Amino acid sequence: MLLCVGKALPGAAFMAIALNAAGQAKKPEELLQRHRFVFIAEWAMSDGGFRQLLTPTNELVITSDSVDGRLPFYGRVYSPSDAYTMHTEGFTIRGRILRYELKARRKGRRQLTVEAKSGNHVQKLAFTVFDDGSARLYINSAWRDAMSYDGRIVESQTP
């Protein structure tokens, strides 16, 4: 179940909170340990310093064995065969998870590293997740500029 909290003012931000069956907010740690959550990107930052506010449709769904999602891309592409699709489709990550590693860090932070095979490429996704559910995703690739995204994680509604 998802609960939205906020004021209905133009441009006002809403906060999504994942709730468990008892109506209590789920902690980000629980979502990460279950290997089933959605990262909703709110801001995108290119390696060159460009920062862009995003629409709510930019998300990455993580399940126990796969990654599926699309995120925008702003930057240089170093592979001619990927140049056109990168600028028209962005980061489309759809594939099987090869590695899922979760580590506790200082001040309640969690570091999650996910490696997924997407097409012919292996994508490395590095998440830093905070106690309040906010998160930063860093994607580094050998064939294009690195990108980072600020957003939040929520419970996946798919079974």
N, C-alpha and C. Protein backbone atom coordinates (compact mmCIF):
# COMPACT_ATOMS: atom_id res chain seq x y z
N MET A 1 0.86 -1.16 0.00
CA MET A 1 0.00 0.00 0.00
C MET A 1 0.90 1.22 0.00
N LEU A 2 0.50 2.27 -0.75
CA LEU A 2 1.28 3.49 -0.83
C LEU A 2 0.44 4.63 -0.30
N LEU A 3 0.99 5.45 0.55
CA LEU A 3 0.30 6.58 1.14
C LEU A 3 1.03 7.83 0.70
N CYS A 4 0.32 8.80 0.16
CA CYS A 4 0.94 10.05 -0.26
C CYS A 4 0.62 11.12 0.77
N VAL A 5 1.63 11.86 1.18
CA VAL A 5 1.48 12.89 2.19
C VAL A 5 1.97 14.19 1.58
N GLY A 6 1.23 15.25 1.71
CA GLY A 6 1.67 16.54 1.19
C GLY A 6 0.50 17.48 1.02
N LYS A 7 0.80 18.73 0.69
CA LYS A 7 -0.24 19.72 0.45
C LYS A 7 -0.50 19.81 -1.04
N ALA A 8 -1.73 20.07 -1.40
CA ALA A 8 -2.09 20.16 -2.81
C ALA A 8 -1.84 21.57 -3.33
N LEU A 9 -0.59 21.97 -3.34
CA LEU A 9 -0.20 23.28 -3.86
C LEU A 9 0.57 23.07 -5.16
N PRO A 10 0.46 24.00 -6.09
CA PRO A 10 1.23 23.85 -7.33
C PRO A 10 2.73 23.76 -7.03
N GLY A 11 3.37 22.76 -7.58
CA GLY A 11 4.81 22.58 -7.40
C GLY A 11 5.19 21.96 -6.07
N ALA A 12 4.23 21.66 -5.21
CA ALA A 12 4.55 21.07 -3.91
C ALA A 12 4.95 19.62 -4.09
N ALA A 13 5.92 19.20 -3.33
CA ALA A 13 6.39 17.82 -3.42
C ALA A 13 5.51 16.92 -2.56
N PHE A 14 5.31 15.72 -3.02
CA PHE A 14 4.59 14.72 -2.25
C PHE A 14 5.57 13.66 -1.80
N MET A 15 5.33 13.06 -0.66
CA MET A 15 6.21 12.03 -0.14
C MET A 15 5.46 10.72 -0.14
N ALA A 16 6.04 9.69 -0.75
CA ALA A 16 5.42 8.37 -0.76
C ALA A 16 6.01 7.53 0.35
N ILE A 17 5.16 6.85 1.08
CA ILE A 17 5.60 6.02 2.19
C ILE A 17 5.07 4.61 1.96
N ALA A 18 5.94 3.62 1.99
CA ALA A 18 5.50 2.23 1.85
C ALA A 18 5.00 1.77 3.21
N LEU A 19 3.81 1.17 3.23
CA LEU A 19 3.23 0.70 4.47
C LEU A 19 3.12 -0.82 4.46
N ASN A 20 3.32 -1.42 5.63
CA ASN A 20 3.14 -2.87 5.73
C ASN A 20 1.68 -3.16 6.07
N ALA A 21 1.35 -4.43 6.24
CA ALA A 21 -0.04 -4.84 6.47
C ALA A 21 -0.62 -4.20 7.73
N ALA A 22 0.21 -3.92 8.72
CA ALA A 22 -0.27 -3.33 9.97
C ALA A 22 -0.43 -1.82 9.85
N GLY A 23 -0.13 -1.25 8.68
CA GLY A 23 -0.26 0.19 8.49
C GLY A 23 0.96 0.97 8.96
N GLN A 24 2.04 0.29 9.27
CA GLN A 24 3.26 0.96 9.71
C GLN A 24 4.18 1.16 8.51
N ALA A 25 4.93 2.26 8.52
CA ALA A 25 5.86 2.54 7.42
C ALA A 25 6.97 1.51 7.38
N LYS A 26 7.24 0.98 6.19
CA LYS A 26 8.34 0.02 6.03
C LYS A 26 9.64 0.78 5.96
N LYS A 27 10.64 0.24 6.58
CA LYS A 27 11.95 0.86 6.57
C LYS A 27 12.67 0.50 5.28
N PRO A 28 13.49 1.40 4.77
CA PRO A 28 14.24 1.11 3.55
C PRO A 28 15.06 -0.18 3.67
N GLU A 29 15.58 -0.44 4.86
CA GLU A 29 16.38 -1.66 5.09
C GLU A 29 15.57 -2.91 4.74
N GLU A 30 14.30 -2.95 5.14
CA GLU A 30 13.44 -4.10 4.84
C GLU A 30 13.26 -4.27 3.33
N LEU A 31 13.03 -3.16 2.63
CA LEU A 31 12.84 -3.22 1.18
C LEU A 31 14.09 -3.73 0.48
N LEU A 32 15.25 -3.28 0.92
CA LEU A 32 16.51 -3.69 0.30
C LEU A 32 16.81 -5.16 0.58
N GLN A 33 16.53 -5.63 1.78
CA GLN A 33 16.79 -7.03 2.12
C GLN A 33 15.85 -7.99 1.40
N ARG A 34 14.65 -7.53 1.08
CA ARG A 34 13.69 -8.39 0.37
C ARG A 34 13.99 -8.46 -1.13
N HIS A 35 14.91 -7.61 -1.62
CA HIS A 35 15.27 -7.57 -3.04
C HIS A 35 14.06 -7.23 -3.90
N ARG A 36 13.17 -6.41 -3.42
CA ARG A 36 11.97 -6.05 -4.19
C ARG A 36 11.58 -4.62 -3.83
N PHE A 37 11.96 -3.68 -4.71
CA PHE A 37 11.62 -2.28 -4.50
C PHE A 37 11.65 -1.53 -5.83
N VAL A 38 11.17 -0.29 -5.79
CA VAL A 38 11.18 0.58 -6.95
C VAL A 38 11.97 1.83 -6.59
N PHE A 39 12.94 2.18 -7.44
CA PHE A 39 13.66 3.44 -7.29
C PHE A 39 12.98 4.44 -8.21
N ILE A 40 12.46 5.53 -7.64
CA ILE A 40 11.81 6.59 -8.40
C ILE A 40 12.78 7.76 -8.49
N ALA A 41 13.25 8.03 -9.70
CA ALA A 41 14.22 9.11 -9.92
C ALA A 41 13.49 10.45 -9.98
N GLU A 42 13.99 11.42 -9.20
CA GLU A 42 13.40 12.76 -9.18
C GLU A 42 14.31 13.79 -9.82
N TRP A 43 15.63 13.56 -9.73
CA TRP A 43 16.63 14.45 -10.32
C TRP A 43 17.66 13.60 -11.05
N ALA A 44 18.16 14.13 -12.18
CA ALA A 44 19.24 13.47 -12.92
C ALA A 44 20.42 14.43 -12.97
N MET A 45 21.64 13.90 -12.79
CA MET A 45 22.85 14.70 -12.86
C MET A 45 23.85 14.01 -13.78
N SER A 46 24.28 14.74 -14.81
CA SER A 46 25.27 14.18 -15.72
C SER A 46 26.66 14.35 -15.12
N ASP A 47 27.61 13.64 -15.70
CA ASP A 47 28.99 13.73 -15.25
C ASP A 47 29.54 15.14 -15.45
N GLY A 48 28.99 15.88 -16.40
CA GLY A 48 29.44 17.23 -16.68
C GLY A 48 28.82 18.28 -15.78
N GLY A 49 27.97 17.89 -14.83
CA GLY A 49 27.39 18.82 -13.88
C GLY A 49 25.99 19.30 -14.20
N PHE A 50 25.41 18.86 -15.31
CA PHE A 50 24.05 19.25 -15.68
C PHE A 50 23.07 18.57 -14.74
N ARG A 51 22.14 19.34 -14.15
CA ARG A 51 21.15 18.79 -13.21
C ARG A 51 19.76 19.08 -13.76
N GLN A 52 18.91 18.05 -13.81
CA GLN A 52 17.59 18.17 -14.43
C GLN A 52 16.52 17.57 -13.52
N LEU A 53 15.45 18.32 -13.27
CA LEU A 53 14.29 17.81 -12.54
C LEU A 53 13.52 16.87 -13.47
N LEU A 54 13.11 15.71 -12.96
CA LEU A 54 12.47 14.69 -13.79
C LEU A 54 10.98 14.56 -13.49
N THR A 55 10.27 13.97 -14.45
CA THR A 55 8.86 13.67 -14.25
C THR A 55 8.75 12.36 -13.46
N PRO A 56 7.59 12.06 -12.88
CA PRO A 56 7.46 10.87 -12.03
C PRO A 56 7.54 9.52 -12.75
N THR A 57 7.65 9.50 -14.06
CA THR A 57 7.63 8.22 -14.78
C THR A 57 9.01 7.58 -14.92
N ASN A 58 10.03 8.16 -14.34
CA ASN A 58 11.38 7.62 -14.44
C ASN A 58 11.66 6.74 -13.24
N GLU A 59 11.60 5.42 -13.44
CA GLU A 59 11.78 4.51 -12.32
C GLU A 59 12.50 3.25 -12.75
N LEU A 60 13.04 2.58 -11.76
CA LEU A 60 13.77 1.33 -11.94
C LEU A 60 13.18 0.33 -10.95
N VAL A 61 12.69 -0.80 -11.45
CA VAL A 61 12.08 -1.83 -10.61
C VAL A 61 13.10 -2.93 -10.38
N ILE A 62 13.39 -3.20 -9.12
CA ILE A 62 14.33 -4.26 -8.74
C ILE A 62 13.53 -5.39 -8.12
N THR A 63 13.69 -6.60 -8.66
CA THR A 63 13.08 -7.78 -8.06
C THR A 63 14.21 -8.73 -7.67
N SER A 64 13.86 -9.88 -7.15
CA SER A 64 14.89 -10.81 -6.66
C SER A 64 15.86 -11.26 -7.73
N ASP A 65 15.43 -11.25 -9.01
CA ASP A 65 16.34 -11.74 -10.05
C ASP A 65 16.46 -10.84 -11.27
N SER A 66 15.76 -9.68 -11.28
CA SER A 66 15.83 -8.84 -12.48
C SER A 66 15.74 -7.35 -12.17
N VAL A 67 16.14 -6.57 -13.17
CA VAL A 67 16.05 -5.11 -13.14
C VAL A 67 15.26 -4.70 -14.37
N ASP A 68 14.35 -3.76 -14.21
CA ASP A 68 13.57 -3.29 -15.36
C ASP A 68 13.25 -1.82 -15.16
N GLY A 69 13.63 -1.00 -16.13
CA GLY A 69 13.31 0.42 -16.02
C GLY A 69 13.96 1.25 -17.10
N ARG A 70 13.59 2.51 -17.07
CA ARG A 70 14.13 3.46 -18.04
C ARG A 70 14.41 4.76 -17.32
N LEU A 71 15.62 5.28 -17.53
CA LEU A 71 16.03 6.56 -16.96
C LEU A 71 16.61 7.42 -18.07
N PRO A 72 16.45 8.74 -17.97
CA PRO A 72 16.99 9.61 -19.02
C PRO A 72 18.53 9.63 -18.98
N PHE A 73 19.12 10.00 -20.10
CA PHE A 73 20.57 10.08 -20.20
C PHE A 73 20.95 11.41 -20.83
N TYR A 74 21.90 12.12 -20.21
CA TYR A 74 22.43 13.37 -20.73
C TYR A 74 23.95 13.24 -20.72
N GLY A 75 24.56 13.17 -21.87
CA GLY A 75 26.02 13.07 -21.90
C GLY A 75 26.51 12.49 -23.20
N ARG A 76 27.78 12.09 -23.18
CA ARG A 76 28.43 11.54 -24.36
C ARG A 76 28.34 10.04 -24.41
N VAL A 77 28.19 9.52 -25.62
CA VAL A 77 28.17 8.08 -25.87
C VAL A 77 29.44 7.75 -26.64
N TYR A 78 30.15 6.70 -26.22
CA TYR A 78 31.43 6.34 -26.83
C TYR A 78 31.34 5.14 -27.76
N SER A 79 30.16 4.61 -27.97
CA SER A 79 29.96 3.48 -28.87
C SER A 79 29.04 3.92 -30.00
N PRO A 80 29.54 3.96 -31.26
CA PRO A 80 28.70 4.45 -32.36
C PRO A 80 27.39 3.69 -32.52
N SER A 81 27.37 2.40 -32.25
CA SER A 81 26.14 1.63 -32.42
C SER A 81 25.07 2.00 -31.39
N ASP A 82 25.47 2.58 -30.26
CA ASP A 82 24.53 2.94 -29.20
C ASP A 82 24.17 4.42 -29.20
N ALA A 83 24.84 5.22 -30.02
CA ALA A 83 24.67 6.68 -29.96
C ALA A 83 23.23 7.12 -30.22
N TYR A 84 22.60 6.59 -31.23
CA TYR A 84 21.23 7.03 -31.55
C TYR A 84 20.24 6.62 -30.46
N THR A 85 20.27 5.37 -30.02
CA THR A 85 19.30 4.91 -29.03
C THR A 85 19.51 5.58 -27.68
N MET A 86 20.74 5.93 -27.33
CA MET A 86 21.00 6.57 -26.03
C MET A 86 20.35 7.93 -25.95
N HIS A 87 20.36 8.68 -27.06
CA HIS A 87 19.80 10.03 -27.02
C HIS A 87 18.30 10.05 -27.29
N THR A 88 17.74 8.98 -27.80
CA THR A 88 16.30 8.94 -28.02
C THR A 88 15.57 8.14 -26.94
N GLU A 89 16.23 7.15 -26.36
CA GLU A 89 15.58 6.28 -25.38
C GLU A 89 16.15 6.41 -23.97
N GLY A 90 17.32 6.98 -23.80
CA GLY A 90 17.93 7.08 -22.48
C GLY A 90 18.52 5.76 -22.02
N PHE A 91 18.63 5.60 -20.71
CA PHE A 91 19.13 4.35 -20.12
C PHE A 91 17.96 3.38 -20.02
N THR A 92 17.92 2.38 -20.87
CA THR A 92 16.92 1.34 -20.73
C THR A 92 17.64 0.13 -20.15
N ILE A 93 17.30 -0.20 -18.92
CA ILE A 93 17.96 -1.30 -18.23
C ILE A 93 16.92 -2.39 -18.00
N ARG A 94 17.11 -3.49 -18.67
CA ARG A 94 16.16 -4.60 -18.56
C ARG A 94 16.98 -5.88 -18.63
N GLY A 95 17.08 -6.59 -17.52
CA GLY A 95 17.86 -7.81 -17.57
C GLY A 95 17.94 -8.54 -16.25
N ARG A 96 18.76 -9.56 -16.27
CA ARG A 96 18.94 -10.46 -15.13
C ARG A 96 20.01 -9.91 -14.18
N ILE A 97 19.77 -10.01 -12.88
CA ILE A 97 20.74 -9.57 -11.88
C ILE A 97 21.83 -10.62 -11.73
N LEU A 98 23.08 -10.18 -11.87
CA LEU A 98 24.23 -11.07 -11.70
C LEU A 98 24.78 -11.00 -10.28
N ARG A 99 24.68 -9.79 -9.66
CA ARG A 99 25.21 -9.60 -8.29
C ARG A 99 24.35 -8.58 -7.57
N TYR A 100 24.05 -8.88 -6.30
CA TYR A 100 23.27 -8.00 -5.44
C TYR A 100 23.98 -7.98 -4.09
N GLU A 101 24.63 -6.87 -3.76
CA GLU A 101 25.43 -6.79 -2.54
C GLU A 101 25.01 -5.59 -1.71
N LEU A 102 24.57 -5.83 -0.49
CA LEU A 102 24.10 -4.79 0.41
C LEU A 102 25.05 -4.67 1.60
N LYS A 103 25.50 -3.43 1.89
CA LYS A 103 26.41 -3.17 3.01
C LYS A 103 25.87 -2.02 3.84
N ALA A 104 26.02 -2.14 5.16
CA ALA A 104 25.66 -1.05 6.07
C ALA A 104 26.81 -0.06 6.12
N ARG A 105 26.47 1.22 6.15
CA ARG A 105 27.45 2.29 6.24
C ARG A 105 27.14 3.15 7.45
N ARG A 106 27.96 4.17 7.66
CA ARG A 106 27.76 5.07 8.81
C ARG A 106 26.47 5.88 8.69
N LYS A 107 25.98 6.35 9.81
CA LYS A 107 24.82 7.22 9.91
C LYS A 107 23.56 6.62 9.30
N GLY A 108 23.40 5.31 9.37
CA GLY A 108 22.19 4.66 8.90
C GLY A 108 22.09 4.49 7.39
N ARG A 109 23.15 4.80 6.69
CA ARG A 109 23.13 4.64 5.23
C ARG A 109 23.35 3.19 4.85
N ARG A 110 22.82 2.83 3.68
CA ARG A 110 23.03 1.49 3.11
C ARG A 110 23.63 1.66 1.72
N GLN A 111 24.62 0.87 1.41
CA GLN A 111 25.24 0.87 0.09
C GLN A 111 24.83 -0.41 -0.62
N LEU A 112 24.15 -0.28 -1.74
CA LEU A 112 23.70 -1.42 -2.51
C LEU A 112 24.36 -1.38 -3.88
N THR A 113 25.01 -2.49 -4.25
CA THR A 113 25.61 -2.61 -5.58
C THR A 113 24.88 -3.72 -6.32
N VAL A 114 24.40 -3.38 -7.51
CA VAL A 114 23.69 -4.34 -8.35
C VAL A 114 24.38 -4.37 -9.70
N GLU A 115 24.73 -5.57 -10.14
CA GLU A 115 25.24 -5.74 -11.50
C GLU A 115 24.20 -6.54 -12.26
N ALA A 116 23.80 -6.01 -13.42
CA ALA A 116 22.77 -6.66 -14.22
C ALA A 116 23.19 -6.71 -15.67
N LYS A 117 22.87 -7.82 -16.31
CA LYS A 117 23.15 -7.97 -17.74
C LYS A 117 21.95 -7.42 -18.50
N SER A 118 22.18 -6.35 -19.26
CA SER A 118 21.14 -5.70 -20.04
C SER A 118 21.59 -5.68 -21.49
N GLY A 119 20.99 -6.55 -22.30
CA GLY A 119 21.43 -6.67 -23.69
C GLY A 119 22.81 -7.27 -23.74
N ASN A 120 23.73 -6.60 -24.44
CA ASN A 120 25.11 -7.07 -24.53
C ASN A 120 26.01 -6.46 -23.47
N HIS A 121 25.46 -5.63 -22.61
CA HIS A 121 26.26 -4.90 -21.64
C HIS A 121 25.93 -5.32 -20.21
N VAL A 122 26.93 -5.24 -19.34
CA VAL A 122 26.71 -5.44 -17.91
C VAL A 122 26.68 -4.06 -17.28
N GLN A 123 25.55 -3.72 -16.66
CA GLN A 123 25.38 -2.42 -16.01
C GLN A 123 25.69 -2.55 -14.53
N LYS A 124 26.47 -1.61 -14.01
CA LYS A 124 26.76 -1.57 -12.58
C LYS A 124 25.99 -0.39 -11.99
N LEU A 125 25.09 -0.71 -11.06
CA LEU A 125 24.25 0.29 -10.40
C LEU A 125 24.67 0.38 -8.94
N ALA A 126 25.04 1.56 -8.49
CA ALA A 126 25.45 1.76 -7.10
C ALA A 126 24.45 2.70 -6.43
N PHE A 127 23.72 2.17 -5.44
CA PHE A 127 22.72 2.93 -4.70
C PHE A 127 23.29 3.30 -3.33
N THR A 128 23.04 4.52 -2.89
CA THR A 128 23.23 4.92 -1.50
C THR A 128 21.84 5.24 -0.99
N VAL A 129 21.38 4.51 0.03
CA VAL A 129 20.01 4.65 0.54
C VAL A 129 20.07 5.15 1.98
N PHE A 130 19.26 6.15 2.27
CA PHE A 130 19.21 6.77 3.59
C PHE A 130 18.00 6.26 4.37
N ASP A 131 18.01 6.48 5.69
CA ASP A 131 16.94 5.99 6.57
C ASP A 131 15.55 6.47 6.19
N ASP A 132 15.45 7.66 5.60
CA ASP A 132 14.14 8.21 5.25
C ASP A 132 13.62 7.71 3.90
N GLY A 133 14.37 6.83 3.23
CA GLY A 133 13.95 6.28 1.94
C GLY A 133 14.49 7.03 0.75
N SER A 134 15.12 8.18 0.99
CA SER A 134 15.74 8.88 -0.14
C SER A 134 16.98 8.10 -0.57
N ALA A 135 17.33 8.25 -1.84
CA ALA A 135 18.43 7.45 -2.37
C ALA A 135 19.13 8.17 -3.51
N ARG A 136 20.36 7.80 -3.75
CA ARG A 136 21.12 8.26 -4.91
C ARG A 136 21.58 7.03 -5.68
N LEU A 137 21.38 7.05 -6.97
CA LEU A 137 21.81 5.97 -7.86
C LEU A 137 22.91 6.51 -8.75
N TYR A 138 24.01 5.78 -8.84
CA TYR A 138 25.14 6.15 -9.70
C TYR A 138 25.33 5.02 -10.70
N ILE A 139 25.30 5.37 -11.99
CA ILE A 139 25.51 4.38 -13.05
C ILE A 139 26.77 4.74 -13.79
N ASN A 140 27.74 3.82 -13.78
CA ASN A 140 29.00 4.01 -14.48
C ASN A 140 29.06 3.00 -15.61
N SER A 141 29.46 3.46 -16.78
CA SER A 141 29.48 2.60 -17.95
C SER A 141 30.76 2.83 -18.73
N ALA A 142 31.28 1.78 -19.35
CA ALA A 142 32.49 1.89 -20.17
C ALA A 142 32.18 2.54 -21.51
N TRP A 143 30.92 2.57 -21.92
CA TRP A 143 30.58 3.05 -23.26
C TRP A 143 29.80 4.35 -23.30
N ARG A 144 29.70 5.04 -22.13
CA ARG A 144 29.08 6.38 -22.10
C ARG A 144 29.42 7.07 -20.79
N ASP A 145 29.12 8.37 -20.71
CA ASP A 145 29.38 9.14 -19.50
C ASP A 145 28.59 8.58 -18.32
N ALA A 146 29.14 8.76 -17.14
CA ALA A 146 28.45 8.34 -15.91
C ALA A 146 27.28 9.28 -15.64
N MET A 147 26.27 8.75 -14.96
CA MET A 147 25.09 9.54 -14.57
C MET A 147 24.75 9.21 -13.12
N SER A 148 24.18 10.18 -12.43
CA SER A 148 23.65 9.89 -11.10
C SER A 148 22.23 10.45 -11.01
N TYR A 149 21.45 9.82 -10.17
CA TYR A 149 20.04 10.17 -10.01
C TYR A 149 19.72 10.25 -8.53
N ASP A 150 19.01 11.29 -8.13
CA ASP A 150 18.49 11.40 -6.78
C ASP A 150 17.02 11.07 -6.81
N GLY A 151 16.57 10.34 -5.80
CA GLY A 151 15.16 9.97 -5.75
C GLY A 151 14.84 9.28 -4.44
N ARG A 152 13.95 8.29 -4.51
CA ARG A 152 13.54 7.57 -3.31
C ARG A 152 13.21 6.13 -3.69
N ILE A 153 13.22 5.27 -2.68
CA ILE A 153 12.80 3.89 -2.92
C ILE A 153 11.47 3.66 -2.21
N VAL A 154 10.62 2.90 -2.88
CA VAL A 154 9.32 2.56 -2.33
C VAL A 154 9.10 1.07 -2.57
N GLU A 155 8.10 0.52 -1.92
CA GLU A 155 7.79 -0.88 -2.07
C GLU A 155 7.23 -1.15 -3.46
N SER A 156 7.67 -2.24 -4.06
CA SER A 156 7.17 -2.65 -5.37
C SER A 156 5.76 -3.20 -5.21
N GLN A 157 4.85 -2.80 -6.08
CA GLN A 157 3.47 -3.26 -6.02
C GLN A 157 3.24 -4.49 -6.85
N THR A 158 4.24 -4.94 -7.63
CA THR A 158 4.10 -6.15 -8.44
C THR A 158 4.43 -7.37 -7.60
N PRO A 159 3.73 -8.48 -7.81
CA PRO A 159 3.98 -9.69 -7.01
C PRO A 159 5.30 -10.34 -7.35
